[in-house]
Amino acid sequence: MDHQMILTELHPRGFEACDLLHRDGTLIHVKHLDDSVSASHLFNQVIVAAESLRRQLDAVKSFTVRVDKLSEGSFSIATDYEPRRVILAFSGGGSVQESIFTFSKITLARCAQRLGDLGVSLEIARLTESNDIIGEIPNETEVACP
């Protein structure tokens, strides 16, 4: 879902609802913590997505159409979909608490509060580097290696 814009009357240029969508409807946003600006941008993106999908019927309709198209019909979202959970997955730096500046910590706290007001829970995940393989490529899939 990364870079897939959800177009609405309020957001004619669109908004990004999430980077990944879990089968249970959880919106997952992934970000490398470079600086306070990118972290704060992400927190505001999360609020816009959650508010839009909780309060704008045209946002939900656009989102369900986008999900259906991207999944080629193998997954669908209910027409009365409302996000209930958001996961922020961070990479880079140390722990999330140590990796973001005070300004961003305050913005994150406000993001969590706003989501709570909307009935959406917020979870923080830490991504670490790994050489583990988490899945297999089906035999019929061709993979081009550089």
N, C-alpha and C. Protein backbone atom coordinates (compact mmCIF):
# COMPACT_ATOMS: atom_id res chain seq x y z
N MET A 1 0.81 -1.20 0.00
CA MET A 1 0.00 0.00 0.00
C MET A 1 0.86 1.27 0.00
N ASP A 2 2.17 1.09 0.14
CA ASP A 2 3.07 2.24 0.16
C ASP A 2 2.90 3.06 -1.11
N HIS A 3 2.77 4.35 -0.97
CA HIS A 3 2.62 5.31 -2.07
C HIS A 3 1.31 5.15 -2.84
N GLN A 4 0.35 4.43 -2.30
CA GLN A 4 -0.95 4.28 -2.93
C GLN A 4 -1.88 5.33 -2.32
N MET A 5 -2.19 6.34 -3.09
CA MET A 5 -2.96 7.46 -2.56
C MET A 5 -4.46 7.15 -2.56
N ILE A 6 -5.09 7.51 -1.46
CA ILE A 6 -6.54 7.36 -1.30
C ILE A 6 -7.14 8.74 -1.56
N LEU A 7 -7.87 8.86 -2.65
CA LEU A 7 -8.43 10.14 -3.05
C LEU A 7 -9.81 10.35 -2.43
N THR A 8 -10.03 11.55 -1.91
CA THR A 8 -11.32 11.91 -1.32
C THR A 8 -11.64 13.35 -1.67
N GLU A 9 -12.86 13.74 -1.35
CA GLU A 9 -13.24 15.13 -1.58
C GLU A 9 -12.37 16.07 -0.73
N LEU A 10 -12.13 15.69 0.51
CA LEU A 10 -11.30 16.51 1.41
C LEU A 10 -9.82 16.44 1.04
N HIS A 11 -9.40 15.31 0.47
CA HIS A 11 -8.00 15.09 0.09
C HIS A 11 -7.93 14.77 -1.41
N PRO A 12 -8.13 15.79 -2.27
CA PRO A 12 -8.16 15.53 -3.71
C PRO A 12 -6.83 15.02 -4.28
N ARG A 13 -5.72 15.31 -3.60
CA ARG A 13 -4.43 14.77 -4.03
C ARG A 13 -4.13 13.44 -3.36
N GLY A 14 -4.97 13.09 -2.42
CA GLY A 14 -4.88 11.81 -1.75
C GLY A 14 -4.05 11.82 -0.48
N PHE A 15 -4.19 10.75 0.27
CA PHE A 15 -3.38 10.51 1.45
C PHE A 15 -2.98 9.04 1.43
N GLU A 16 -1.87 8.76 2.10
CA GLU A 16 -1.40 7.37 2.18
C GLU A 16 -1.98 6.76 3.45
N ALA A 17 -2.81 5.74 3.28
CA ALA A 17 -3.49 5.12 4.42
C ALA A 17 -2.53 4.29 5.27
N CYS A 18 -1.56 3.65 4.63
CA CYS A 18 -0.61 2.80 5.35
C CYS A 18 0.45 2.31 4.37
N ASP A 19 1.50 1.73 4.92
CA ASP A 19 2.51 1.07 4.08
C ASP A 19 2.12 -0.38 3.84
N LEU A 20 1.58 -0.99 4.89
CA LEU A 20 1.14 -2.38 4.82
C LEU A 20 -0.23 -2.49 5.47
N LEU A 21 -1.05 -3.38 4.98
CA LEU A 21 -2.36 -3.63 5.56
C LEU A 21 -2.42 -5.08 5.99
N HIS A 22 -2.61 -5.30 7.28
CA HIS A 22 -2.72 -6.66 7.80
C HIS A 22 -4.09 -7.22 7.45
N ARG A 23 -4.19 -8.51 7.35
CA ARG A 23 -5.47 -9.15 7.02
C ARG A 23 -6.57 -8.83 8.03
N ASP A 24 -6.18 -8.48 9.25
CA ASP A 24 -7.21 -8.15 10.25
C ASP A 24 -7.63 -6.67 10.18
N GLY A 25 -7.10 -5.93 9.20
CA GLY A 25 -7.46 -4.53 9.02
C GLY A 25 -6.54 -3.55 9.70
N THR A 26 -5.50 -4.05 10.37
CA THR A 26 -4.54 -3.17 11.02
C THR A 26 -3.74 -2.39 9.98
N LEU A 27 -3.63 -1.08 10.19
CA LEU A 27 -2.83 -0.23 9.34
C LEU A 27 -1.41 -0.23 9.88
N ILE A 28 -0.44 -0.57 9.04
CA ILE A 28 0.95 -0.63 9.47
C ILE A 28 1.74 0.42 8.72
N HIS A 29 2.42 1.28 9.47
CA HIS A 29 3.27 2.32 8.89
C HIS A 29 4.71 1.99 9.25
N VAL A 30 5.59 2.04 8.27
CA VAL A 30 6.99 1.68 8.46
C VAL A 30 7.84 2.90 8.16
N LYS A 31 8.81 3.18 9.04
CA LYS A 31 9.65 4.36 8.84
C LYS A 31 11.03 4.12 9.41
N HIS A 32 12.04 4.55 8.66
CA HIS A 32 13.40 4.58 9.16
C HIS A 32 13.57 5.91 9.89
N LEU A 33 14.02 5.85 11.13
CA LEU A 33 14.16 7.07 11.92
C LEU A 33 15.43 7.81 11.54
N ASP A 34 15.29 8.76 10.64
CA ASP A 34 16.42 9.58 10.23
C ASP A 34 16.53 10.84 11.09
N ASP A 35 15.39 11.49 11.25
CA ASP A 35 15.38 12.76 11.96
C ASP A 35 13.99 13.06 12.51
N SER A 36 13.91 14.14 13.25
CA SER A 36 12.66 14.55 13.86
C SER A 36 11.59 14.89 12.82
N VAL A 37 12.01 15.46 11.71
CA VAL A 37 11.06 15.87 10.67
C VAL A 37 10.35 14.65 10.09
N SER A 38 11.10 13.61 9.74
CA SER A 38 10.47 12.42 9.14
C SER A 38 9.58 11.71 10.16
N ALA A 39 9.98 11.68 11.41
CA ALA A 39 9.15 11.04 12.45
C ALA A 39 7.85 11.82 12.63
N SER A 40 7.94 13.12 12.74
CA SER A 40 6.75 13.94 12.93
C SER A 40 5.82 13.86 11.73
N HIS A 41 6.39 13.82 10.53
CA HIS A 41 5.58 13.66 9.32
C HIS A 41 4.78 12.36 9.40
N LEU A 42 5.44 11.29 9.81
CA LEU A 42 4.78 10.00 9.93
C LEU A 42 3.63 10.06 10.93
N PHE A 43 3.84 10.67 12.08
CA PHE A 43 2.79 10.73 13.09
C PHE A 43 1.57 11.48 12.57
N ASN A 44 1.81 12.56 11.84
CA ASN A 44 0.68 13.30 11.26
C ASN A 44 0.00 12.51 10.15
N GLN A 45 0.78 11.77 9.38
CA GLN A 45 0.22 10.91 8.33
C GLN A 45 -0.72 9.87 8.95
N VAL A 46 -0.32 9.30 10.07
CA VAL A 46 -1.13 8.32 10.78
C VAL A 46 -2.46 8.93 11.22
N ILE A 47 -2.42 10.14 11.75
CA ILE A 47 -3.64 10.81 12.21
C ILE A 47 -4.57 11.08 11.04
N VAL A 48 -4.04 11.59 9.95
CA VAL A 48 -4.86 11.89 8.77
C VAL A 48 -5.52 10.61 8.25
N ALA A 49 -4.76 9.54 8.16
CA ALA A 49 -5.31 8.28 7.65
C ALA A 49 -6.42 7.76 8.56
N ALA A 50 -6.15 7.72 9.87
CA ALA A 50 -7.14 7.20 10.80
C ALA A 50 -8.40 8.06 10.82
N GLU A 51 -8.23 9.37 10.88
CA GLU A 51 -9.40 10.26 10.89
C GLU A 51 -10.21 10.11 9.62
N SER A 52 -9.53 10.06 8.49
CA SER A 52 -10.23 9.95 7.22
C SER A 52 -11.00 8.64 7.11
N LEU A 53 -10.36 7.55 7.50
CA LEU A 53 -11.01 6.24 7.40
C LEU A 53 -12.07 6.02 8.48
N ARG A 54 -12.08 6.82 9.52
CA ARG A 54 -13.11 6.71 10.55
C ARG A 54 -14.28 7.66 10.30
N ARG A 55 -14.03 8.75 9.54
CA ARG A 55 -15.05 9.80 9.44
C ARG A 55 -15.52 10.14 8.03
N GLN A 56 -14.84 9.67 7.02
CA GLN A 56 -15.20 10.04 5.65
C GLN A 56 -15.63 8.79 4.86
N LEU A 57 -16.90 8.75 4.49
CA LEU A 57 -17.39 7.60 3.73
C LEU A 57 -16.67 7.44 2.41
N ASP A 58 -16.35 8.57 1.76
CA ASP A 58 -15.65 8.46 0.48
C ASP A 58 -14.22 7.95 0.64
N ALA A 59 -13.62 8.17 1.81
CA ALA A 59 -12.28 7.63 2.07
C ALA A 59 -12.34 6.11 2.18
N VAL A 60 -13.33 5.61 2.91
CA VAL A 60 -13.48 4.16 3.06
C VAL A 60 -13.76 3.52 1.70
N LYS A 61 -14.62 4.15 0.91
CA LYS A 61 -14.93 3.60 -0.41
C LYS A 61 -13.68 3.56 -1.29
N SER A 62 -12.93 4.66 -1.32
CA SER A 62 -11.70 4.72 -2.11
C SER A 62 -10.69 3.69 -1.62
N PHE A 63 -10.61 3.52 -0.29
CA PHE A 63 -9.68 2.56 0.31
C PHE A 63 -10.06 1.13 -0.06
N THR A 64 -11.34 0.80 0.04
CA THR A 64 -11.77 -0.56 -0.29
C THR A 64 -11.53 -0.88 -1.76
N VAL A 65 -11.75 0.08 -2.62
CA VAL A 65 -11.49 -0.11 -4.06
C VAL A 65 -10.00 -0.33 -4.29
N ARG A 66 -9.16 0.47 -3.63
CA ARG A 66 -7.70 0.35 -3.80
C ARG A 66 -7.20 -1.01 -3.30
N VAL A 67 -7.69 -1.44 -2.14
CA VAL A 67 -7.29 -2.74 -1.59
C VAL A 67 -7.70 -3.87 -2.53
N ASP A 68 -8.92 -3.81 -3.03
CA ASP A 68 -9.40 -4.84 -3.95
C ASP A 68 -8.55 -4.89 -5.22
N LYS A 69 -8.23 -3.71 -5.75
CA LYS A 69 -7.43 -3.65 -6.97
C LYS A 69 -6.01 -4.17 -6.75
N LEU A 70 -5.37 -3.73 -5.67
CA LEU A 70 -3.99 -4.14 -5.40
C LEU A 70 -3.89 -5.64 -5.09
N SER A 71 -4.91 -6.19 -4.45
CA SER A 71 -4.89 -7.61 -4.11
C SER A 71 -5.43 -8.47 -5.24
N GLU A 72 -5.82 -7.80 -6.34
CA GLU A 72 -6.40 -8.49 -7.50
C GLU A 72 -7.59 -9.34 -7.08
N GLY A 73 -8.38 -8.79 -6.15
CA GLY A 73 -9.61 -9.44 -5.72
C GLY A 73 -9.43 -10.54 -4.68
N SER A 74 -8.21 -10.80 -4.25
CA SER A 74 -7.99 -11.88 -3.28
C SER A 74 -8.25 -11.44 -1.83
N PHE A 75 -8.39 -10.16 -1.61
CA PHE A 75 -8.64 -9.64 -0.27
C PHE A 75 -9.56 -8.44 -0.39
N SER A 76 -10.51 -8.34 0.51
CA SER A 76 -11.41 -7.19 0.45
C SER A 76 -11.64 -6.65 1.86
N ILE A 77 -11.98 -5.39 1.89
CA ILE A 77 -12.28 -4.68 3.12
C ILE A 77 -13.79 -4.46 3.16
N ALA A 78 -14.39 -4.63 4.31
CA ALA A 78 -15.83 -4.40 4.46
C ALA A 78 -16.17 -2.96 4.13
N THR A 79 -17.34 -2.75 3.58
CA THR A 79 -17.76 -1.39 3.21
C THR A 79 -17.95 -0.50 4.42
N ASP A 80 -18.09 -1.09 5.61
CA ASP A 80 -18.20 -0.30 6.84
C ASP A 80 -16.89 -0.34 7.65
N TYR A 81 -15.77 -0.56 6.96
CA TYR A 81 -14.46 -0.66 7.59
C TYR A 81 -14.15 0.59 8.42
N GLU A 82 -13.62 0.35 9.61
CA GLU A 82 -13.06 1.41 10.45
C GLU A 82 -11.78 0.85 11.05
N PRO A 83 -10.67 1.57 10.92
CA PRO A 83 -9.44 1.05 11.54
C PRO A 83 -9.61 0.98 13.06
N ARG A 84 -9.10 -0.09 13.64
CA ARG A 84 -9.15 -0.28 15.08
C ARG A 84 -7.76 -0.26 15.71
N ARG A 85 -6.73 -0.52 14.84
CA ARG A 85 -5.37 -0.62 15.36
C ARG A 85 -4.40 -0.09 14.31
N VAL A 86 -3.39 0.63 14.79
CA VAL A 86 -2.31 1.14 13.95
C VAL A 86 -1.00 0.67 14.58
N ILE A 87 -0.10 0.19 13.74
CA ILE A 87 1.23 -0.18 14.20
C ILE A 87 2.23 0.75 13.52
N LEU A 88 3.09 1.36 14.32
CA LEU A 88 4.21 2.14 13.80
C LEU A 88 5.45 1.27 13.95
N ALA A 89 6.05 0.90 12.84
CA ALA A 89 7.25 0.05 12.86
C ALA A 89 8.45 0.90 12.47
N PHE A 90 9.41 1.01 13.39
CA PHE A 90 10.57 1.86 13.19
C PHE A 90 11.83 1.04 13.00
N SER A 91 12.73 1.55 12.17
CA SER A 91 14.07 0.99 12.05
C SER A 91 15.06 2.14 12.22
N GLY A 92 16.35 1.79 12.36
CA GLY A 92 17.38 2.81 12.51
C GLY A 92 17.53 3.27 13.95
N GLY A 93 18.73 3.72 14.27
CA GLY A 93 18.98 4.24 15.61
C GLY A 93 18.85 3.18 16.68
N GLY A 94 18.73 3.62 17.92
CA GLY A 94 18.56 2.71 19.05
C GLY A 94 17.09 2.45 19.28
N SER A 95 16.72 2.41 20.55
CA SER A 95 15.30 2.21 20.86
C SER A 95 14.53 3.44 20.37
N VAL A 96 13.24 3.26 20.16
CA VAL A 96 12.43 4.38 19.69
C VAL A 96 12.54 5.54 20.67
N GLN A 97 12.49 5.24 21.95
CA GLN A 97 12.57 6.30 22.97
C GLN A 97 13.87 7.08 22.87
N GLU A 98 14.97 6.40 22.55
CA GLU A 98 16.27 7.06 22.45
C GLU A 98 16.52 7.66 21.07
N SER A 99 15.73 7.26 20.06
CA SER A 99 16.01 7.64 18.68
C SER A 99 15.32 8.91 18.22
N ILE A 100 14.31 9.36 18.94
CA ILE A 100 13.60 10.55 18.48
C ILE A 100 13.76 11.69 19.48
N PHE A 101 13.74 12.89 18.94
CA PHE A 101 13.91 14.08 19.75
C PHE A 101 12.66 14.37 20.58
N THR A 102 12.81 15.22 21.56
CA THR A 102 11.71 15.57 22.45
C THR A 102 10.50 16.07 21.68
N PHE A 103 10.72 16.91 20.68
CA PHE A 103 9.61 17.43 19.86
C PHE A 103 8.81 16.28 19.27
N SER A 104 9.51 15.29 18.72
CA SER A 104 8.82 14.14 18.11
C SER A 104 8.15 13.27 19.16
N LYS A 105 8.74 13.17 20.34
CA LYS A 105 8.10 12.39 21.41
C LYS A 105 6.76 13.02 21.79
N ILE A 106 6.74 14.34 21.85
CA ILE A 106 5.50 15.04 22.17
C ILE A 106 4.48 14.83 21.05
N THR A 107 4.93 14.91 19.80
CA THR A 107 4.05 14.69 18.67
C THR A 107 3.51 13.26 18.67
N LEU A 108 4.35 12.30 19.02
CA LEU A 108 3.92 10.90 19.12
C LEU A 108 2.88 10.73 20.22
N ALA A 109 3.09 11.36 21.35
CA ALA A 109 2.12 11.28 22.45
C ALA A 109 0.77 11.86 22.01
N ARG A 110 0.81 12.98 21.30
CA ARG A 110 -0.43 13.59 20.80
C ARG A 110 -1.10 12.71 19.76
N CYS A 111 -0.28 12.05 18.93
CA CYS A 111 -0.80 11.11 17.94
C CYS A 111 -1.55 9.98 18.65
N ALA A 112 -0.94 9.41 19.67
CA ALA A 112 -1.56 8.31 20.42
C ALA A 112 -2.86 8.78 21.07
N GLN A 113 -2.84 9.99 21.61
CA GLN A 113 -4.04 10.53 22.24
C GLN A 113 -5.16 10.72 21.22
N ARG A 114 -4.82 11.29 20.06
CA ARG A 114 -5.82 11.53 19.02
C ARG A 114 -6.41 10.21 18.51
N LEU A 115 -5.53 9.22 18.30
CA LEU A 115 -6.01 7.91 17.87
C LEU A 115 -6.94 7.31 18.93
N GLY A 116 -6.55 7.44 20.19
CA GLY A 116 -7.40 6.94 21.27
C GLY A 116 -8.77 7.58 21.26
N ASP A 117 -8.81 8.89 20.99
CA ASP A 117 -10.09 9.61 20.89
C ASP A 117 -10.95 9.05 19.76
N LEU A 118 -10.30 8.50 18.73
CA LEU A 118 -11.01 7.92 17.58
C LEU A 118 -11.35 6.45 17.79
N GLY A 119 -10.91 5.88 18.92
CA GLY A 119 -11.15 4.47 19.17
C GLY A 119 -10.17 3.56 18.46
N VAL A 120 -8.97 4.10 18.18
CA VAL A 120 -7.94 3.35 17.47
C VAL A 120 -6.75 3.17 18.41
N SER A 121 -6.29 1.92 18.57
CA SER A 121 -5.12 1.69 19.42
C SER A 121 -3.85 1.88 18.61
N LEU A 122 -2.79 2.29 19.29
CA LEU A 122 -1.50 2.51 18.66
C LEU A 122 -0.48 1.60 19.30
N GLU A 123 0.27 0.89 18.46
CA GLU A 123 1.34 0.03 18.93
C GLU A 123 2.62 0.43 18.23
N ILE A 124 3.73 0.31 18.94
CA ILE A 124 5.04 0.64 18.40
C ILE A 124 5.83 -0.65 18.24
N ALA A 125 6.43 -0.83 17.08
CA ALA A 125 7.27 -2.01 16.83
C ALA A 125 8.65 -1.54 16.43
N ARG A 126 9.64 -2.29 16.79
CA ARG A 126 11.03 -1.99 16.45
C ARG A 126 11.50 -3.01 15.44
N LEU A 127 11.96 -2.54 14.29
CA LEU A 127 12.49 -3.41 13.25
C LEU A 127 14.01 -3.48 13.39
N THR A 128 14.53 -4.68 13.36
CA THR A 128 15.98 -4.86 13.43
C THR A 128 16.44 -5.61 12.20
N GLU A 129 17.70 -5.46 11.88
CA GLU A 129 18.26 -6.17 10.73
C GLU A 129 18.37 -7.64 11.04
N SER A 130 18.15 -8.45 10.00
CA SER A 130 18.23 -9.89 10.18
C SER A 130 18.57 -10.54 8.86
N ASN A 131 19.27 -11.63 8.93
CA ASN A 131 19.55 -12.43 7.74
C ASN A 131 18.60 -13.61 7.62
N ASP A 132 17.62 -13.67 8.53
CA ASP A 132 16.66 -14.77 8.51
C ASP A 132 15.76 -14.66 7.30
N ILE A 133 15.42 -15.80 6.74
CA ILE A 133 14.46 -15.87 5.64
C ILE A 133 13.10 -16.14 6.26
N ILE A 134 12.13 -15.30 5.95
CA ILE A 134 10.83 -15.44 6.59
C ILE A 134 9.79 -16.08 5.69
N GLY A 135 10.14 -16.45 4.51
CA GLY A 135 9.19 -17.10 3.61
C GLY A 135 9.92 -17.67 2.41
N GLU A 136 9.22 -18.50 1.69
CA GLU A 136 9.80 -19.10 0.50
C GLU A 136 9.12 -18.54 -0.72
N ILE A 137 9.85 -18.47 -1.82
CA ILE A 137 9.33 -18.04 -3.10
C ILE A 137 8.77 -19.27 -3.80
N PRO A 138 7.49 -19.23 -4.21
CA PRO A 138 6.92 -20.40 -4.90
C PRO A 138 7.76 -20.77 -6.13
N ASN A 139 7.81 -22.06 -6.44
CA ASN A 139 8.61 -22.56 -7.55
C ASN A 139 8.29 -21.91 -8.88
N GLU A 140 7.01 -21.59 -9.10
CA GLU A 140 6.63 -21.05 -10.40
C GLU A 140 6.99 -19.56 -10.57
N THR A 141 7.46 -18.93 -9.52
CA THR A 141 7.82 -17.52 -9.59
C THR A 141 9.25 -17.37 -10.07
N GLU A 142 9.44 -16.55 -11.08
CA GLU A 142 10.79 -16.28 -11.56
C GLU A 142 11.36 -15.09 -10.81
N VAL A 143 12.60 -15.22 -10.41
CA VAL A 143 13.26 -14.14 -9.69
C VAL A 143 14.50 -13.74 -10.46
N ALA A 144 14.59 -12.45 -10.78
CA ALA A 144 15.78 -11.95 -11.48
C ALA A 144 16.76 -11.41 -10.44
N CYS A 145 17.95 -11.89 -10.47
CA CYS A 145 18.99 -11.41 -9.56
C CYS A 145 20.00 -10.59 -10.32
N PRO A 146 20.41 -9.47 -9.76
CA PRO A 146 21.39 -8.62 -10.44
C PRO A 146 22.76 -9.28 -10.50
